[in-house]
N, C-alpha and C. Protein backbone atom coordinates (compact mmCIF):
# COMPACT_ATOMS: atom_id res chain seq x y z
N MET A 1 115.76 117.05 126.97
CA MET A 1 115.71 115.61 127.04
C MET A 1 117.09 115.03 126.73
N GLU A 2 117.44 114.01 127.47
CA GLU A 2 118.71 113.31 127.29
C GLU A 2 118.41 111.91 126.75
N ILE A 3 119.29 111.41 125.90
CA ILE A 3 119.21 110.03 125.43
C ILE A 3 120.48 109.33 125.87
N ARG A 4 120.31 108.20 126.56
CA ARG A 4 121.47 107.44 127.02
C ARG A 4 121.21 105.95 126.88
N GLU A 5 122.28 105.18 126.95
CA GLU A 5 122.18 103.74 126.82
C GLU A 5 121.57 103.10 128.07
N LEU A 6 120.84 102.03 127.87
CA LEU A 6 120.26 101.25 128.96
C LEU A 6 121.37 100.59 129.77
N VAL A 7 121.22 100.61 131.09
CA VAL A 7 122.08 99.83 131.98
C VAL A 7 121.17 98.89 132.77
N SER A 8 121.75 97.86 133.35
CA SER A 8 120.95 96.80 133.97
C SER A 8 119.98 97.31 135.04
N LYS A 9 120.34 98.35 135.79
CA LYS A 9 119.45 98.85 136.83
C LYS A 9 118.19 99.51 136.26
N ASP A 10 118.16 99.79 134.95
CA ASP A 10 117.01 100.41 134.30
C ASP A 10 115.95 99.41 133.86
N ILE A 11 116.30 98.13 133.81
CA ILE A 11 115.45 97.15 133.13
C ILE A 11 114.05 97.07 133.73
N ASP A 12 113.91 97.02 135.04
CA ASP A 12 112.57 96.90 135.64
C ASP A 12 111.68 98.08 135.27
N ILE A 13 112.24 99.28 135.28
CA ILE A 13 111.47 100.48 134.92
C ILE A 13 111.05 100.43 133.46
N VAL A 14 111.97 100.01 132.60
CA VAL A 14 111.70 99.94 131.17
C VAL A 14 110.64 98.87 130.88
N VAL A 15 110.73 97.73 131.54
CA VAL A 15 109.72 96.68 131.34
C VAL A 15 108.34 97.18 131.77
N ASP A 16 108.26 97.88 132.90
CA ASP A 16 106.97 98.44 133.33
C ASP A 16 106.44 99.45 132.32
N LEU A 17 107.30 100.31 131.80
CA LEU A 17 106.89 101.29 130.78
C LEU A 17 106.37 100.56 129.55
N TRP A 18 107.10 99.54 129.10
CA TRP A 18 106.70 98.74 127.93
C TRP A 18 105.33 98.10 128.16
N TYR A 19 105.15 97.51 129.33
CA TYR A 19 103.90 96.82 129.65
C TYR A 19 102.72 97.79 129.67
N GLU A 20 102.84 98.89 130.41
CA GLU A 20 101.75 99.86 130.53
C GLU A 20 101.39 100.48 129.18
N THR A 21 102.40 100.74 128.37
CA THR A 21 102.17 101.34 127.06
C THR A 21 101.57 100.33 126.09
N SER A 22 102.04 99.09 126.16
CA SER A 22 101.56 98.04 125.26
C SER A 22 100.08 97.77 125.45
N ILE A 23 99.63 97.75 126.69
CA ILE A 23 98.22 97.47 126.97
C ILE A 23 97.31 98.51 126.31
N ILE A 24 97.72 99.75 126.31
CA ILE A 24 96.91 100.82 125.71
C ILE A 24 97.07 100.84 124.19
N ALA A 25 98.33 100.76 123.71
CA ALA A 25 98.57 100.85 122.26
C ALA A 25 98.04 99.63 121.52
N HIS A 26 97.99 98.50 122.20
CA HIS A 26 97.56 97.26 121.57
C HIS A 26 96.33 96.70 122.28
N ASP A 27 95.33 97.53 122.42
CA ASP A 27 94.12 97.12 123.15
C ASP A 27 93.34 96.01 122.44
N PHE A 28 93.72 95.67 121.24
CA PHE A 28 93.08 94.60 120.48
C PHE A 28 93.70 93.23 120.81
N ILE A 29 94.71 93.21 121.66
CA ILE A 29 95.36 91.98 122.11
C ILE A 29 95.08 91.83 123.61
N PRO A 30 94.69 90.65 124.07
CA PRO A 30 94.41 90.47 125.50
C PRO A 30 95.59 90.89 126.39
N GLY A 31 95.28 91.56 127.49
CA GLY A 31 96.31 92.04 128.41
C GLY A 31 97.21 90.95 128.96
N ASP A 32 96.67 89.74 129.08
CA ASP A 32 97.48 88.63 129.58
C ASP A 32 98.67 88.33 128.68
N TYR A 33 98.53 88.57 127.38
CA TYR A 33 99.64 88.35 126.45
C TYR A 33 100.85 89.19 126.87
N TRP A 34 100.60 90.46 127.16
CA TRP A 34 101.69 91.36 127.55
C TRP A 34 102.23 90.99 128.92
N LYS A 35 101.33 90.68 129.85
CA LYS A 35 101.75 90.29 131.20
C LYS A 35 102.64 89.05 131.14
N ASN A 36 102.26 88.07 130.31
CA ASN A 36 103.02 86.83 130.20
C ASN A 36 104.38 87.01 129.52
N ASN A 37 104.59 88.14 128.86
CA ASN A 37 105.85 88.38 128.16
C ASN A 37 106.80 89.33 128.91
N LYS A 38 106.39 89.75 130.12
CA LYS A 38 107.27 90.66 130.89
C LYS A 38 108.62 90.02 131.20
N GLY A 39 108.62 88.75 131.56
CA GLY A 39 109.88 88.06 131.87
C GLY A 39 110.80 87.99 130.67
N ALA A 40 110.25 87.64 129.52
CA ALA A 40 111.06 87.56 128.30
C ALA A 40 111.63 88.93 127.95
N MET A 41 110.84 89.97 128.15
CA MET A 41 111.31 91.32 127.88
C MET A 41 112.50 91.66 128.80
N ALA A 42 112.38 91.32 130.08
CA ALA A 42 113.40 91.67 131.07
C ALA A 42 114.67 90.85 130.93
N PHE A 43 114.52 89.57 130.64
CA PHE A 43 115.68 88.68 130.70
C PHE A 43 116.22 88.25 129.35
N GLU A 44 115.45 88.49 128.29
CA GLU A 44 115.89 88.06 126.97
C GLU A 44 116.04 89.24 126.01
N TYR A 45 114.92 89.93 125.75
CA TYR A 45 114.92 90.95 124.72
C TYR A 45 115.80 92.16 125.06
N LEU A 46 115.55 92.80 126.18
CA LEU A 46 116.33 94.00 126.51
C LEU A 46 117.82 93.73 126.67
N PRO A 47 118.22 92.70 127.40
CA PRO A 47 119.66 92.46 127.54
C PRO A 47 120.37 92.12 126.23
N ASN A 48 119.63 91.63 125.24
CA ASN A 48 120.23 91.23 123.97
C ASN A 48 120.00 92.23 122.85
N SER A 49 119.60 93.44 123.22
CA SER A 49 119.38 94.47 122.20
C SER A 49 120.22 95.70 122.51
N GLU A 50 120.32 96.55 121.54
CA GLU A 50 120.97 97.86 121.69
C GLU A 50 119.85 98.83 122.06
N THR A 51 119.79 99.22 123.33
CA THR A 51 118.64 99.97 123.82
C THR A 51 119.07 101.34 124.35
N TYR A 52 118.30 102.36 123.96
CA TYR A 52 118.56 103.73 124.39
C TYR A 52 117.30 104.27 125.07
N LEU A 53 117.54 105.06 126.10
CA LEU A 53 116.45 105.61 126.91
C LEU A 53 116.31 107.11 126.70
N ALA A 54 115.08 107.58 126.70
CA ALA A 54 114.80 109.03 126.72
C ALA A 54 114.59 109.40 128.19
N ILE A 55 115.37 110.37 128.66
CA ILE A 55 115.32 110.80 130.06
C ILE A 55 114.85 112.24 130.11
N GLU A 56 113.82 112.47 130.91
CA GLU A 56 113.28 113.82 131.11
C GLU A 56 113.23 114.08 132.61
N ASN A 57 113.96 115.10 133.07
CA ASN A 57 114.01 115.43 134.51
C ASN A 57 114.37 114.21 135.36
N GLY A 58 115.33 113.42 134.90
CA GLY A 58 115.80 112.26 135.63
C GLY A 58 114.92 111.03 135.54
N GLU A 59 113.82 111.11 134.79
CA GLU A 59 112.85 110.02 134.68
C GLU A 59 112.91 109.39 133.29
N ILE A 60 112.84 108.06 133.23
CA ILE A 60 112.78 107.36 131.95
C ILE A 60 111.38 107.55 131.37
N VAL A 61 111.30 108.19 130.20
CA VAL A 61 110.00 108.47 129.60
C VAL A 61 109.79 107.73 128.28
N GLY A 62 110.82 107.04 127.82
CA GLY A 62 110.69 106.28 126.58
C GLY A 62 111.96 105.50 126.31
N PHE A 63 111.86 104.59 125.33
CA PHE A 63 113.04 103.83 124.94
C PHE A 63 112.90 103.31 123.52
N VAL A 64 114.03 103.00 122.93
CA VAL A 64 114.07 102.36 121.62
C VAL A 64 115.07 101.21 121.73
N ALA A 65 114.70 100.06 121.16
CA ALA A 65 115.55 98.88 121.20
C ALA A 65 115.80 98.39 119.77
N MET A 66 117.06 98.23 119.44
CA MET A 66 117.46 97.77 118.11
C MET A 66 118.16 96.42 118.24
N ILE A 67 117.90 95.56 117.27
CA ILE A 67 118.66 94.31 117.10
C ILE A 67 119.17 94.37 115.67
N GLU A 68 120.46 94.69 115.56
CA GLU A 68 121.10 94.98 114.28
C GLU A 68 120.32 96.10 113.59
N ASN A 69 119.76 95.86 112.40
CA ASN A 69 119.01 96.92 111.70
C ASN A 69 117.50 96.80 111.89
N PHE A 70 117.09 96.03 112.90
CA PHE A 70 115.67 95.82 113.16
C PHE A 70 115.25 96.60 114.40
N LEU A 71 114.25 97.46 114.25
CA LEU A 71 113.72 98.21 115.38
C LEU A 71 112.76 97.26 116.12
N ALA A 72 113.24 96.72 117.22
CA ALA A 72 112.48 95.72 117.97
C ALA A 72 111.40 96.37 118.84
N ALA A 73 111.66 97.58 119.32
CA ALA A 73 110.69 98.26 120.18
C ALA A 73 110.98 99.75 120.22
N ILE A 74 109.91 100.52 120.24
CA ILE A 74 110.01 101.94 120.55
C ILE A 74 108.73 102.30 121.29
N PHE A 75 108.89 102.75 122.52
CA PHE A 75 107.75 103.04 123.38
C PHE A 75 108.00 104.33 124.13
N VAL A 76 106.95 105.13 124.26
CA VAL A 76 106.99 106.37 125.03
C VAL A 76 105.88 106.27 126.07
N ASP A 77 106.23 106.60 127.31
CA ASP A 77 105.26 106.61 128.41
C ASP A 77 104.00 107.33 127.94
N ASN A 78 102.84 106.74 128.25
CA ASN A 78 101.56 107.30 127.80
C ASN A 78 101.40 108.78 128.17
N GLN A 79 101.91 109.21 129.31
CA GLN A 79 101.78 110.60 129.76
C GLN A 79 102.65 111.56 128.97
N PHE A 80 103.64 111.03 128.23
CA PHE A 80 104.58 111.89 127.51
C PHE A 80 104.45 111.79 126.00
N GLN A 81 103.44 111.08 125.52
CA GLN A 81 103.27 110.93 124.07
C GLN A 81 102.84 112.25 123.46
N GLY A 82 103.22 112.42 122.19
CA GLY A 82 102.86 113.63 121.46
C GLY A 82 103.78 114.80 121.72
N GLN A 83 104.91 114.55 122.39
CA GLN A 83 105.86 115.63 122.71
C GLN A 83 107.16 115.52 121.93
N GLY A 84 107.21 114.64 120.92
CA GLY A 84 108.41 114.51 120.08
C GLY A 84 109.45 113.54 120.62
N ILE A 85 109.14 112.83 121.70
CA ILE A 85 110.12 111.91 122.28
C ILE A 85 110.36 110.72 121.36
N GLY A 86 109.29 110.13 120.83
CA GLY A 86 109.44 109.01 119.91
C GLY A 86 110.23 109.40 118.68
N LYS A 87 109.95 110.57 118.15
CA LYS A 87 110.68 111.08 116.98
C LYS A 87 112.16 111.26 117.31
N SER A 88 112.45 111.80 118.49
CA SER A 88 113.86 111.99 118.90
C SER A 88 114.58 110.65 119.02
N LEU A 89 113.92 109.67 119.64
CA LEU A 89 114.53 108.34 119.76
C LEU A 89 114.76 107.71 118.39
N LEU A 90 113.77 107.84 117.51
CA LEU A 90 113.90 107.28 116.17
C LEU A 90 115.03 107.96 115.40
N ASN A 91 115.10 109.29 115.47
CA ASN A 91 116.18 110.00 114.80
C ASN A 91 117.55 109.61 115.35
N PHE A 92 117.61 109.35 116.64
CA PHE A 92 118.86 108.93 117.27
C PHE A 92 119.38 107.65 116.64
N VAL A 93 118.50 106.65 116.45
CA VAL A 93 118.96 105.40 115.85
C VAL A 93 119.11 105.52 114.33
N LYS A 94 118.36 106.41 113.70
CA LYS A 94 118.54 106.64 112.25
C LYS A 94 119.94 107.15 111.94
N HIS A 95 120.50 107.94 112.85
CA HIS A 95 121.86 108.46 112.64
C HIS A 95 122.91 107.36 112.73
N LYS A 96 122.56 106.24 113.31
CA LYS A 96 123.48 105.12 113.47
C LYS A 96 123.30 104.04 112.39
N ARG A 97 122.30 104.18 111.54
CA ARG A 97 121.96 103.16 110.55
C ARG A 97 121.72 103.79 109.19
N THR A 98 121.79 102.97 108.16
CA THR A 98 121.38 103.42 106.82
C THR A 98 120.07 102.76 106.41
N ARG A 99 119.66 101.73 107.15
CA ARG A 99 118.41 101.04 106.87
C ARG A 99 117.85 100.52 108.19
N ILE A 100 116.55 100.68 108.37
CA ILE A 100 115.87 100.16 109.57
C ILE A 100 114.58 99.48 109.11
N LYS A 101 114.35 98.28 109.65
CA LYS A 101 113.10 97.56 109.42
C LYS A 101 112.38 97.42 110.74
N LEU A 102 111.07 97.24 110.67
CA LEU A 102 110.27 97.03 111.88
C LEU A 102 108.98 96.33 111.51
N ASN A 103 108.36 95.73 112.50
CA ASN A 103 107.01 95.18 112.36
C ASN A 103 106.07 95.99 113.23
N VAL A 104 104.88 96.24 112.72
CA VAL A 104 103.87 96.98 113.47
C VAL A 104 102.51 96.35 113.16
N TYR A 105 101.71 96.20 114.19
CA TYR A 105 100.38 95.61 114.00
C TYR A 105 99.53 96.48 113.09
N GLU A 106 98.81 95.84 112.18
CA GLU A 106 97.94 96.54 111.23
C GLU A 106 96.89 97.39 111.96
N LYS A 107 96.41 96.93 113.11
CA LYS A 107 95.40 97.68 113.86
C LYS A 107 95.97 98.85 114.65
N ASN A 108 97.27 98.98 114.71
CA ASN A 108 97.91 100.07 115.44
C ASN A 108 98.12 101.26 114.48
N ARG A 109 97.02 101.87 114.09
CA ARG A 109 97.05 102.94 113.08
C ARG A 109 97.88 104.14 113.52
N LYS A 110 97.84 104.46 114.79
CA LYS A 110 98.61 105.60 115.29
C LYS A 110 100.11 105.41 115.02
N SER A 111 100.61 104.21 115.29
CA SER A 111 102.03 103.94 115.06
C SER A 111 102.35 103.87 113.57
N ILE A 112 101.46 103.27 112.79
CA ILE A 112 101.69 103.21 111.34
C ILE A 112 101.80 104.62 110.77
N ASP A 113 100.88 105.48 111.16
CA ASP A 113 100.92 106.87 110.68
C ASP A 113 102.21 107.57 111.12
N PHE A 114 102.64 107.31 112.35
CA PHE A 114 103.89 107.88 112.84
C PHE A 114 105.06 107.42 111.99
N TYR A 115 105.17 106.11 111.76
CA TYR A 115 106.30 105.59 110.98
C TYR A 115 106.27 106.13 109.55
N LYS A 116 105.09 106.20 108.95
CA LYS A 116 105.00 106.77 107.60
C LYS A 116 105.49 108.22 107.59
N SER A 117 105.13 108.99 108.61
CA SER A 117 105.56 110.40 108.67
C SER A 117 107.06 110.52 108.85
N GLN A 118 107.70 109.44 109.30
CA GLN A 118 109.15 109.43 109.52
C GLN A 118 109.90 108.75 108.37
N GLY A 119 109.20 108.51 107.26
CA GLY A 119 109.85 108.00 106.06
C GLY A 119 109.85 106.50 105.88
N PHE A 120 109.11 105.78 106.71
CA PHE A 120 109.02 104.32 106.55
C PHE A 120 107.97 103.97 105.51
N ILE A 121 108.21 102.88 104.80
CA ILE A 121 107.31 102.40 103.75
C ILE A 121 106.87 100.99 104.11
N ILE A 122 105.61 100.67 103.88
CA ILE A 122 105.12 99.30 104.09
C ILE A 122 105.66 98.42 102.96
N LYS A 123 106.33 97.34 103.36
CA LYS A 123 106.94 96.44 102.39
C LYS A 123 106.19 95.11 102.26
N ALA A 124 105.54 94.67 103.34
CA ALA A 124 104.85 93.38 103.32
C ALA A 124 103.84 93.32 104.46
N ILE A 125 102.93 92.36 104.38
CA ILE A 125 101.99 92.09 105.46
C ILE A 125 102.03 90.60 105.73
N SER A 126 101.93 90.25 107.01
CA SER A 126 101.91 88.83 107.39
C SER A 126 101.13 88.70 108.69
N GLU A 127 100.85 87.47 109.08
CA GLU A 127 100.16 87.23 110.34
C GLU A 127 101.19 86.88 111.40
N GLU A 128 101.15 87.60 112.51
CA GLU A 128 102.05 87.33 113.63
C GLU A 128 101.54 86.08 114.32
N GLU A 129 102.42 85.09 114.46
CA GLU A 129 102.03 83.76 114.92
C GLU A 129 101.42 83.75 116.32
N LYS A 130 102.03 84.44 117.27
CA LYS A 130 101.60 84.35 118.68
C LYS A 130 100.26 85.03 118.95
N THR A 131 99.96 86.09 118.21
CA THR A 131 98.72 86.84 118.46
C THR A 131 97.66 86.62 117.38
N CYS A 132 98.05 86.03 116.27
CA CYS A 132 97.17 85.86 115.10
C CYS A 132 96.68 87.20 114.55
N GLU A 133 97.46 88.25 114.79
CA GLU A 133 97.13 89.58 114.27
C GLU A 133 98.01 89.88 113.05
N ASN A 134 97.45 90.58 112.08
CA ASN A 134 98.23 91.00 110.93
C ASN A 134 99.21 92.09 111.35
N GLU A 135 100.39 92.03 110.75
CA GLU A 135 101.37 93.09 110.99
C GLU A 135 102.05 93.45 109.68
N PHE A 136 102.44 94.72 109.61
CA PHE A 136 103.17 95.21 108.46
C PHE A 136 104.66 95.16 108.74
N LEU A 137 105.42 94.80 107.71
CA LEU A 137 106.86 94.98 107.73
C LEU A 137 107.08 96.34 107.07
N MET A 138 107.73 97.24 107.80
CA MET A 138 108.01 98.57 107.27
C MET A 138 109.51 98.78 107.22
N GLU A 139 109.95 99.64 106.31
CA GLU A 139 111.38 99.86 106.14
C GLU A 139 111.67 101.32 105.85
N TRP A 140 112.77 101.78 106.41
CA TRP A 140 113.31 103.11 106.15
C TRP A 140 114.72 102.95 105.63
N THR A 141 115.08 103.71 104.61
CA THR A 141 116.47 103.75 104.13
C THR A 141 116.88 105.20 103.97
N ARG A 142 118.16 105.43 104.26
CA ARG A 142 118.70 106.78 104.15
C ARG A 142 118.84 107.15 102.70
């Protein structure tokens, strides 16, 4: 697996990966929420973040997006989950930081367990305004 920086020609593929993965990982949120945010992801979030892609056999299979020390997104294509890609992407950005924070929905137990296994600690809980879902603020420090 190769990890490389996002370039503009990758954005449509990455947005589709984010959308397809979000619908499954966040099945407690209506699908229209994710559909309505595809434009913001393509034109606002990805271009304004430090984003790295996981490439397997020439195909984008995952990505991680950082905004300063905040992990804004980490997604692995549903067909490639459980193969260590998310861990590799996370370790890649951990080598570039001494502290990383992130928000994760309380109902997304699979991701919470993953982050805990990677050394993240729950620091706070709050309600996410747009979805009215509880989310944890988690933090990792070297």
